[in-house]
Amino acid sequence: MFLTPERIIIVRGSVIVIGTVKDSDSVFRITVDGVFRGYIQILDGEYQMMAGCVMSIYKFNTIVEAMKMGINQWNKL
């Protein structure tokens, strides 16, 4: 079994889990209240929702701000 680091933040009562994707340091898996919502990718320093990502722009912006403040500095398990 492979475990990937993840971080949990609370936004307006929603539990958001940001997890790294195995073998990628620029793609992050997002779940909100236990439901998979898609992936965020960092390309050339820009944060983008990948195709099929389903979340409000407010939550996306909040996640990006959290990631910029260091939530993307993952601890090794």
PDB file of N, CA and C in Angstrom:
ATOM      1  N   MET A   1       0.846  -1.174   0.000  1.00  0.00           N
ATOM      2  CA  MET A   1       0.000   0.000   0.000  1.00  0.00           C
ATOM      3  C   MET A   1       0.890   1.235   0.000  1.00  0.00           C
ATOM      4  N   PHE A   2       0.521   2.218  -0.808  1.00  0.00           N
ATOM      5  CA  PHE A   2       1.241   3.481  -0.854  1.00  0.00           C
ATOM      6  C   PHE A   2       0.370   4.558  -0.225  1.00  0.00           C
ATOM      7  N   LEU A   3       0.935   5.298   0.697  1.00  0.00           N
ATOM      8  CA  LEU A   3       0.217   6.400   1.317  1.00  0.00           C
ATOM      9  C   LEU A   3       0.808   7.708   0.815  1.00  0.00           C
ATOM     10  N   THR A   4      -0.052   8.678   0.550  1.00  0.00           N
ATOM     11  CA  THR A   4       0.431   9.983   0.130  1.00  0.00           C
ATOM     12  C   THR A   4       0.078  10.989   1.213  1.00  0.00           C
ATOM     13  N   PRO A   5       0.920  11.993   1.412  1.00  0.00           N
ATOM     14  CA  PRO A   5       0.622  13.019   2.418  1.00  0.00           C
ATOM     15  C   PRO A   5      -0.637  13.793   2.042  1.00  0.00           C
ATOM     16  N   GLU A   6      -1.346  14.268   3.047  1.00  0.00           N
ATOM     17  CA  GLU A   6      -2.509  15.101   2.785  1.00  0.00           C
ATOM     18  C   GLU A   6      -2.650  16.132   3.889  1.00  0.00           C
ATOM     19  N   ARG A   7      -3.372  17.181   3.583  1.00  0.00           N
ATOM     20  CA  ARG A   7      -3.662  18.244   4.532  1.00  0.00           C
ATOM     21  C   ARG A   7      -5.166  18.451   4.570  1.00  0.00           C
ATOM     22  N   ILE A   8      -5.646  18.876   5.726  1.00  0.00           N
ATOM     23  CA  ILE A   8      -7.075  19.111   5.909  1.00  0.00           C
ATOM     24  C   ILE A   8      -7.260  20.566   6.320  1.00  0.00           C
ATOM     25  N   ILE A   9      -8.186  21.241   5.631  1.00  0.00           N
ATOM     26  CA  ILE A   9      -8.565  22.594   6.022  1.00  0.00           C
ATOM     27  C   ILE A   9     -10.083  22.653   6.126  1.00  0.00           C
ATOM     28  N   ILE A  10     -10.571  23.591   6.927  1.00  0.00           N
ATOM     29  CA  ILE A  10     -12.014  23.795   7.097  1.00  0.00           C
ATOM     30  C   ILE A  10     -12.361  25.147   6.471  1.00  0.00           C
ATOM     31  N   VAL A  11     -13.328  25.126   5.559  1.00  0.00           N
ATOM     32  CA  VAL A  11     -13.775  26.349   4.884  1.00  0.00           C
ATOM     33  C   VAL A  11     -15.281  26.438   5.016  1.00  0.00           C
ATOM     34  N   ARG A  12     -15.744  27.446   5.755  1.00  0.00           N
ATOM     35  CA  ARG A  12     -17.194  27.639   5.962  1.00  0.00           C
ATOM     36  C   ARG A  12     -17.893  26.338   6.331  1.00  0.00           C
ATOM     37  N   GLY A  13     -17.297  25.575   7.228  1.00  0.00           N
ATOM     38  CA  GLY A  13     -17.899  24.343   7.711  1.00  0.00           C
ATOM     39  C   GLY A  13     -17.671  23.129   6.831  1.00  0.00           C
ATOM     40  N   SER A  14     -17.052  23.290   5.686  1.00  0.00           N
ATOM     41  CA  SER A  14     -16.741  22.160   4.812  1.00  0.00           C
ATOM     42  C   SER A  14     -15.331  21.662   5.100  1.00  0.00           C
ATOM     43  N   VAL A  15     -15.182  20.346   5.164  1.00  0.00           N
ATOM     44  CA  VAL A  15     -13.870  19.742   5.380  1.00  0.00           C
ATOM     45  C   VAL A  15     -13.252  19.469   4.007  1.00  0.00           C
ATOM     46  N   ILE A  16     -12.122  20.122   3.752  1.00  0.00           N
ATOM     47  CA  ILE A  16     -11.437  19.970   2.466  1.00  0.00           C
ATOM     48  C   ILE A  16     -10.129  19.237   2.699  1.00  0.00           C
ATOM     49  N   VAL A  17      -9.950  18.143   1.971  1.00  0.00           N
ATOM     50  CA  VAL A  17      -8.725  17.358   2.065  1.00  0.00           C
ATOM     51  C   VAL A  17      -7.949  17.553   0.774  1.00  0.00           C
ATOM     52  N   ILE A  18      -6.696  17.985   0.929  1.00  0.00           N
ATOM     53  CA  ILE A  18      -5.807  18.214  -0.209  1.00  0.00           C
ATOM     54  C   ILE A  18      -4.723  17.157  -0.124  1.00  0.00           C
ATOM     55  N   GLY A  19      -4.676  16.274  -1.100  1.00  0.00           N
ATOM     56  CA  GLY A  19      -3.691  15.199  -1.102  1.00  0.00           C
ATOM     57  C   GLY A  19      -2.797  15.254  -2.317  1.00  0.00           C
ATOM     58  N   THR A  20      -1.566  14.840  -2.131  1.00  0.00           N
ATOM     59  CA  THR A  20      -0.668  14.779  -3.287  1.00  0.00           C
ATOM     60  C   THR A  20      -1.019  13.565  -4.126  1.00  0.00           C
ATOM     61  N   VAL A  21      -0.685  13.647  -5.377  1.00  0.00           N
ATOM     62  CA  VAL A  21      -0.880  12.537  -6.293  1.00  0.00           C
ATOM     63  C   VAL A  21       0.458  11.823  -6.434  1.00  0.00           C
ATOM     64  N   LYS A  22       0.436  10.510  -6.314  1.00  0.00           N
ATOM     65  CA  LYS A  22       1.658   9.715  -6.387  1.00  0.00           C
ATOM     66  C   LYS A  22       2.447  10.041  -7.644  1.00  0.00           C
ATOM     67  N   ASP A  23       3.737  10.193  -7.474  1.00  0.00           N
ATOM     68  CA  ASP A  23       4.670  10.452  -8.577  1.00  0.00           C
ATOM     69  C   ASP A  23       4.465  11.813  -9.243  1.00  0.00           C
ATOM     70  N   SER A  24       3.818  12.763  -8.553  1.00  0.00           N
ATOM     71  CA  SER A  24       3.655  14.101  -9.108  1.00  0.00           C
ATOM     72  C   SER A  24       3.732  15.118  -7.977  1.00  0.00           C
ATOM     73  N   ASP A  25       4.542  16.130  -8.167  1.00  0.00           N
ATOM     74  CA  ASP A  25       4.608  17.176  -7.157  1.00  0.00           C
ATOM     75  C   ASP A  25       3.877  18.442  -7.601  1.00  0.00           C
ATOM     76  N   SER A  26       3.104  18.335  -8.692  1.00  0.00           N
ATOM     77  CA  SER A  26       2.366  19.498  -9.169  1.00  0.00           C
ATOM     78  C   SER A  26       0.864  19.247  -9.328  1.00  0.00           C
ATOM     79  N   VAL A  27       0.393  18.055  -8.961  1.00  0.00           N
ATOM     80  CA  VAL A  27      -1.033  17.739  -9.057  1.00  0.00           C
ATOM     81  C   VAL A  27      -1.529  17.339  -7.667  1.00  0.00           C
ATOM     82  N   PHE A  28      -2.670  17.908  -7.271  1.00  0.00           N
ATOM     83  CA  PHE A  28      -3.235  17.662  -5.952  1.00  0.00           C
ATOM     84  C   PHE A  28      -4.681  17.195  -6.085  1.00  0.00           C
ATOM     85  N   ARG A  29      -5.031  16.163  -5.310  1.00  0.00           N
ATOM     86  CA  ARG A  29      -6.385  15.585  -5.313  1.00  0.00           C
ATOM     87  C   ARG A  29      -7.206  16.301  -4.247  1.00  0.00           C
ATOM     88  N   ILE A  30      -8.419  16.728  -4.599  1.00  0.00           N
ATOM     89  CA  ILE A  30      -9.259  17.495  -3.691  1.00  0.00           C
ATOM     90  C   ILE A  30     -10.545  16.727  -3.384  1.00  0.00           C
ATOM     91  N   THR A  31     -10.843  16.590  -2.086  1.00  0.00           N
ATOM     92  CA  THR A  31     -12.149  16.084  -1.672  1.00  0.00           C
ATOM     93  C   THR A  31     -12.777  17.115  -0.741  1.00  0.00           C
ATOM     94  N   VAL A  32     -14.086  17.277  -0.853  1.00  0.00           N
ATOM     95  CA  VAL A  32     -14.827  18.202  -0.003  1.00  0.00           C
ATOM     96  C   VAL A  32     -15.920  17.402   0.682  1.00  0.00           C
ATOM     97  N   ASP A  33     -15.899  17.400   2.010  1.00  0.00           N
ATOM     98  CA  ASP A  33     -16.862  16.643   2.817  1.00  0.00           C
ATOM     99  C   ASP A  33     -16.942  15.185   2.371  1.00  0.00           C
ATOM    100  N   GLY A  34     -15.790  14.612   2.072  1.00  0.00           N
ATOM    101  CA  GLY A  34     -15.703  13.198   1.721  1.00  0.00           C
ATOM    102  C   GLY A  34     -16.045  12.870   0.276  1.00  0.00           C
ATOM    103  N   VAL A  35     -16.343  13.889  -0.537  1.00  0.00           N
ATOM    104  CA  VAL A  35     -16.706  13.667  -1.937  1.00  0.00           C
ATOM    105  C   VAL A  35     -15.575  14.192  -2.826  1.00  0.00           C
ATOM    106  N   PHE A  36     -15.086  13.336  -3.720  1.00  0.00           N
ATOM    107  CA  PHE A  36     -14.032  13.739  -4.645  1.00  0.00           C
ATOM    108  C   PHE A  36     -14.542  14.848  -5.552  1.00  0.00           C
ATOM    109  N   ARG A  37     -13.757  15.952  -5.631  1.00  0.00           N
ATOM    110  CA  ARG A  37     -14.166  17.099  -6.451  1.00  0.00           C
ATOM    111  C   ARG A  37     -13.265  17.353  -7.641  1.00  0.00           C
ATOM    112  N   GLY A  38     -12.105  16.711  -7.698  1.00  0.00           N
ATOM    113  CA  GLY A  38     -11.229  16.898  -8.840  1.00  0.00           C
ATOM    114  C   GLY A  38      -9.794  17.148  -8.426  1.00  0.00           C
ATOM    115  N   TYR A  39      -9.039  17.674  -9.380  1.00  0.00           N
ATOM    116  CA  TYR A  39      -7.612  17.915  -9.176  1.00  0.00           C
ATOM    117  C   TYR A  39      -7.267  19.368  -9.436  1.00  0.00           C
ATOM    118  N   ILE A  40      -6.292  19.859  -8.676  1.00  0.00           N
ATOM    119  CA  ILE A  40      -5.695  21.169  -8.927  1.00  0.00           C
ATOM    120  C   ILE A  40      -4.272  20.904  -9.371  1.00  0.00           C
ATOM    121  N   GLN A  41      -3.857  21.608 -10.419  1.00  0.00           N
ATOM    122  CA  GLN A  41      -2.507  21.441 -10.948  1.00  0.00           C
ATOM    123  C   GLN A  41      -1.779  22.784 -10.913  1.00  0.00           C
ATOM    124  N   ILE A  42      -0.478  22.714 -10.638  1.00  0.00           N
ATOM    125  CA  ILE A  42       0.354  23.914 -10.672  1.00  0.00           C
ATOM    126  C   ILE A  42       1.228  23.834 -11.916  1.00  0.00           C
ATOM    127  N   LEU A  43       1.020  24.772 -12.841  1.00  0.00           N
ATOM    128  CA  LEU A  43       1.816  24.857 -14.069  1.00  0.00           C
ATOM    129  C   LEU A  43       2.457  26.227 -14.146  1.00  0.00           C
ATOM    130  N   ASP A  44       3.769  26.255 -14.206  1.00  0.00           N
ATOM    131  CA  ASP A  44       4.507  27.517 -14.297  1.00  0.00           C
ATOM    132  C   ASP A  44       4.089  28.505 -13.209  1.00  0.00           C
ATOM    133  N   GLY A  45       3.844  27.986 -12.005  1.00  0.00           N
ATOM    134  CA  GLY A  45       3.483  28.835 -10.878  1.00  0.00           C
ATOM    135  C   GLY A  45       2.012  29.230 -10.812  1.00  0.00           C
ATOM    136  N   GLU A  46       1.232  28.819 -11.789  1.00  0.00           N
ATOM    137  CA  GLU A  46      -0.199  29.132 -11.830  1.00  0.00           C
ATOM    138  C   GLU A  46      -1.005  27.918 -11.362  1.00  0.00           C
ATOM    139  N   TYR A  47      -1.989  28.159 -10.507  1.00  0.00           N
ATOM    140  CA  TYR A  47      -2.863  27.098 -10.006  1.00  0.00           C
ATOM    141  C   TYR A  47      -4.081  27.012 -10.913  1.00  0.00           C
ATOM    142  N   GLN A  48      -4.419  25.781 -11.342  1.00  0.00           N
ATOM    143  CA  GLN A  48      -5.529  25.589 -12.268  1.00  0.00           C
ATOM    144  C   GLN A  48      -6.371  24.401 -11.833  1.00  0.00           C
ATOM    145  N   MET A  49      -7.692  24.533 -12.021  1.00  0.00           N
ATOM    146  CA  MET A  49      -8.560  23.372 -11.855  1.00  0.00           C
ATOM    147  C   MET A  49      -8.403  22.534 -13.111  1.00  0.00           C
ATOM    148  N   MET A  50      -8.210  21.249 -12.955  1.00  0.00           N
ATOM    149  CA  MET A  50      -8.097  20.375 -14.118  1.00  0.00           C
ATOM    150  C   MET A  50      -9.487  20.064 -14.647  1.00  0.00           C
ATOM    151  N   ALA A  51      -9.567  19.630 -15.874  1.00  0.00           N
ATOM    152  CA  ALA A  51     -10.850  19.311 -16.513  1.00  0.00           C
ATOM    153  C   ALA A  51     -11.649  18.364 -15.627  1.00  0.00           C
ATOM    154  N   GLY A  52     -12.915  18.653 -15.467  1.00  0.00           N
ATOM    155  CA  GLY A  52     -13.798  17.805 -14.679  1.00  0.00           C
ATOM    156  C   GLY A  52     -13.852  18.165 -13.205  1.00  0.00           C
ATOM    157  N   CYS A  53     -13.083  19.161 -12.800  1.00  0.00           N
ATOM    158  CA  CYS A  53     -13.057  19.587 -11.402  1.00  0.00           C
ATOM    159  C   CYS A  53     -14.370  20.298 -11.072  1.00  0.00           C
ATOM    160  N   VAL A  54     -15.017  19.877  -9.984  1.00  0.00           N
ATOM    161  CA  VAL A  54     -16.309  20.439  -9.612  1.00  0.00           C
ATOM    162  C   VAL A  54     -16.205  21.043  -8.216  1.00  0.00           C
ATOM    163  N   MET A  55     -16.022  22.363  -8.163  1.00  0.00           N
ATOM    164  CA  MET A  55     -16.027  23.080  -6.886  1.00  0.00           C
ATOM    165  C   MET A  55     -16.293  24.549  -7.173  1.00  0.00           C
ATOM    166  N   SER A  56     -16.760  25.238  -6.151  1.00  0.00           N
ATOM    167  CA  SER A  56     -17.041  26.665  -6.337  1.00  0.00           C
ATOM    168  C   SER A  56     -15.733  27.423  -6.482  1.00  0.00           C
ATOM    169  N   ILE A  57     -15.806  28.558  -7.139  1.00  0.00           N
ATOM    170  CA  ILE A  57     -14.624  29.395  -7.316  1.00  0.00           C
ATOM    171  C   ILE A  57     -14.137  29.886  -5.958  1.00  0.00           C
ATOM    172  N   TYR A  58     -15.057  30.092  -5.006  1.00  0.00           N
ATOM    173  CA  TYR A  58     -14.677  30.514  -3.660  1.00  0.00           C
ATOM    174  C   TYR A  58     -13.798  29.453  -3.000  1.00  0.00           C
ATOM    175  N   LYS A  59     -14.212  28.191  -3.062  1.00  0.00           N
ATOM    176  CA  LYS A  59     -13.418  27.116  -2.462  1.00  0.00           C
ATOM    177  C   LYS A  59     -12.088  26.949  -3.195  1.00  0.00           C
ATOM    178  N   PHE A  60     -12.117  27.045  -4.505  1.00  0.00           N
ATOM    179  CA  PHE A  60     -10.877  26.953  -5.272  1.00  0.00           C
ATOM    180  C   PHE A  60      -9.899  28.038  -4.829  1.00  0.00           C
ATOM    181  N   ASN A  61     -10.362  29.276  -4.761  1.00  0.00           N
ATOM    182  CA  ASN A  61      -9.485  30.383  -4.354  1.00  0.00           C
ATOM    183  C   ASN A  61      -8.972  30.201  -2.931  1.00  0.00           C
ATOM    184  N   THR A  62      -9.808  29.697  -2.035  1.00  0.00           N
ATOM    185  CA  THR A  62      -9.395  29.450  -0.651  1.00  0.00           C
ATOM    186  C   THR A  62      -8.332  28.367  -0.591  1.00  0.00           C
ATOM    187  N   ILE A  63      -8.509  27.301  -1.361  1.00  0.00           N
ATOM    188  CA  ILE A  63      -7.526  26.214  -1.412  1.00  0.00           C
ATOM    189  C   ILE A  63      -6.202  26.734  -1.957  1.00  0.00           C
ATOM    190  N   VAL A  64      -6.263  27.513  -3.015  1.00  0.00           N
ATOM    191  CA  VAL A  64      -5.047  28.056  -3.614  1.00  0.00           C
ATOM    192  C   VAL A  64      -4.316  28.947  -2.610  1.00  0.00           C
ATOM    193  N   GLU A  65      -5.036  29.794  -1.892  1.00  0.00           N
ATOM    194  CA  GLU A  65      -4.392  30.650  -0.892  1.00  0.00           C
ATOM    195  C   GLU A  65      -3.737  29.812   0.201  1.00  0.00           C
ATOM    196  N   ALA A  66      -4.408  28.746   0.641  1.00  0.00           N
ATOM    197  CA  ALA A  66      -3.825  27.863   1.656  1.00  0.00           C
ATOM    198  C   ALA A  66      -2.565  27.190   1.122  1.00  0.00           C
ATOM    199  N   MET A  67      -2.604  26.762  -0.124  1.00  0.00           N
ATOM    200  CA  MET A  67      -1.442  26.107  -0.725  1.00  0.00           C
ATOM    201  C   MET A  67      -0.280  27.089  -0.853  1.00  0.00           C
ATOM    202  N   LYS A  68      -0.566  28.321  -1.216  1.00  0.00           N
ATOM    203  CA  LYS A  68       0.478  29.323  -1.355  1.00  0.00           C
ATOM    204  C   LYS A  68       1.115  29.665  -0.002  1.00  0.00           C
ATOM    205  N   MET A  69       0.342  29.523   1.079  1.00  0.00           N
ATOM    206  CA  MET A  69       0.861  29.823   2.409  1.00  0.00           C
ATOM    207  C   MET A  69       1.640  28.658   3.005  1.00  0.00           C
ATOM    208  N   GLY A  70       1.823  27.602   2.235  1.00  0.00           N
ATOM    209  CA  GLY A  70       2.685  26.534   2.700  1.00  0.00           C
ATOM    210  C   GLY A  70       2.045  25.182   2.901  1.00  0.00           C
ATOM    211  N   ILE A  71       0.753  25.071   2.644  1.00  0.00           N
ATOM    212  CA  ILE A  71       0.119  23.764   2.833  1.00  0.00           C
ATOM    213  C   ILE A  71       0.654  22.745   1.832  1.00  0.00           C
ATOM    214  N   ASN A  72       1.311  23.215   0.762  1.00  0.00           N
ATOM    215  CA  ASN A  72       1.849  22.285  -0.223  1.00  0.00           C
ATOM    216  C   ASN A  72       3.260  21.836   0.138  1.00  0.00           C
ATOM    217  N   GLN A  73       3.754  22.209   1.315  1.00  0.00           N
ATOM    218  CA  GLN A  73       5.035  21.712   1.793  1.00  0.00           C
ATOM    219  C   GLN A  73       4.768  20.447   2.597  1.00  0.00           C
ATOM    220  N   TRP A  74       4.699  19.326   1.921  1.00  0.00           N
ATOM    221  CA  TRP A  74       4.251  18.075   2.528  1.00  0.00           C
ATOM    222  C   TRP A  74       5.330  17.447   3.395  1.00  0.00           C
ATOM    223  N   ASN A  75       4.893  16.839   4.478  1.00  0.00           N
ATOM    224  CA  ASN A  75       5.787  16.051   5.321  1.00  0.00           C
ATOM    225  C   ASN A  75       5.857  14.637   4.751  1.00  0.00           C
ATOM    226  N   LYS A  76       7.016  14.065   4.747  1.00  0.00           N
ATOM    227  CA  LYS A  76       7.157  12.688   4.265  1.00  0.00           C
ATOM    228  C   LYS A  76       6.624  11.745   5.335  1.00  0.00           C
ATOM    229  N   LEU A  77       5.876  10.739   4.910  1.00  0.00           N
ATOM    230  CA  LEU A  77       5.361   9.734   5.856  1.00  0.00           C
ATOM    231  C   LEU A  77       6.417   8.672   6.107  1.00  0.00           C
TER     232      LEU A  77
END
